[in-house]
Amino acid sequence: MNMGQKAVVLLSSGLDSTVNLYRACQDLDVVLALTFDYGQKAASQEIAYSRKHCEKLGVSHKVVELPWLSQISQSALVSSFSEVPLGDQVKVDDYNTSLNTAQKVWVSNRNGVFLNIAAAFAEGLKADYVIPGFNKEEAQTFPDNSDEFLRIMEKSFSFSTQNKVQTKCFTIHMDKRAIAQMGRELNVPFEWIWPCYLGGARPCGACESCQR
C-alpha cells in the first residue's frame, strides 16, 4: 500500500471502524467514508459521530440508506419488538452466551451487503481498497467479521469489479485492547466513538458492544 492508492472506508463511528479510518488516512488516499442507515437503533448517533471524524480528517462522507434491511430482519438492533441483551444477559468471555447474544443482534447478510456496496463505490471512484472495521474477538461469534470472510469477499470482487477491488482491515487480528492502544497512538478522539447498540444521549454501558 502507498499514498497513491485510494480507499473507501466503512465507518460506523465504533472503535474498530474509526481506528481503521484514522490508520487508513496514514497510508492511503481515503476518497470516501460510508455510513449505513439500515434502521438500527443507534443510526443517528453513528451518523453524527462519523461525520465529525470525517470533518476532522477532511474525508468525504456519505450516508447510504438501506431501509429494506430492517424490514426483512427481526434483529434486536432494528426491531422495536426485540430487546438488545443487556447486563447479566451478556458475558463477553463466555462463548456460548456470546453466541446466543450474537444471534439476537444478527442482521441478515449485513456485512456482505455493506462490503458489496462499498466495492461498487470503490470501483466507480477507481479506488483500490475497501476497509471495514473488524476484530478477532467478535469474529469468534460473528463469522462475517473474520479474516476468512474478508478474503472470500475480496475473491468475489475479482469477478464483480473491473478494477478487482481489494479488502484491507488493519485490526482484523487484534483484540479490543490492542485496537484501543492503536487508537491512542493515532490520536483518535475517543469522545467521538459510539460503541453502543442503542441510541440515546450516551452509550448504555450494558450491551455486548459497550462491554467489549
Foldseek 3Di string as FASTA:
>chain_A
DAQDFEEEAEFQLALQSLLQVLVCLVGYHYAEYEYEPQQFQARVLSVVLVVVSCVVSVHHYDYHYRPVQLVVDPACRHDPVAHQDWAPCDDLVDLVSLLVNCVNHDGPCVLVVVVVVRLVVCLVVVGQEYEYGAACSCCSNVVCRAPVVQVVSLVVLCVVHPNSHHYDGPHHHHDPVVSVVSCVVSVPPSVSHQQASHHDPHHPCIGNSNVD
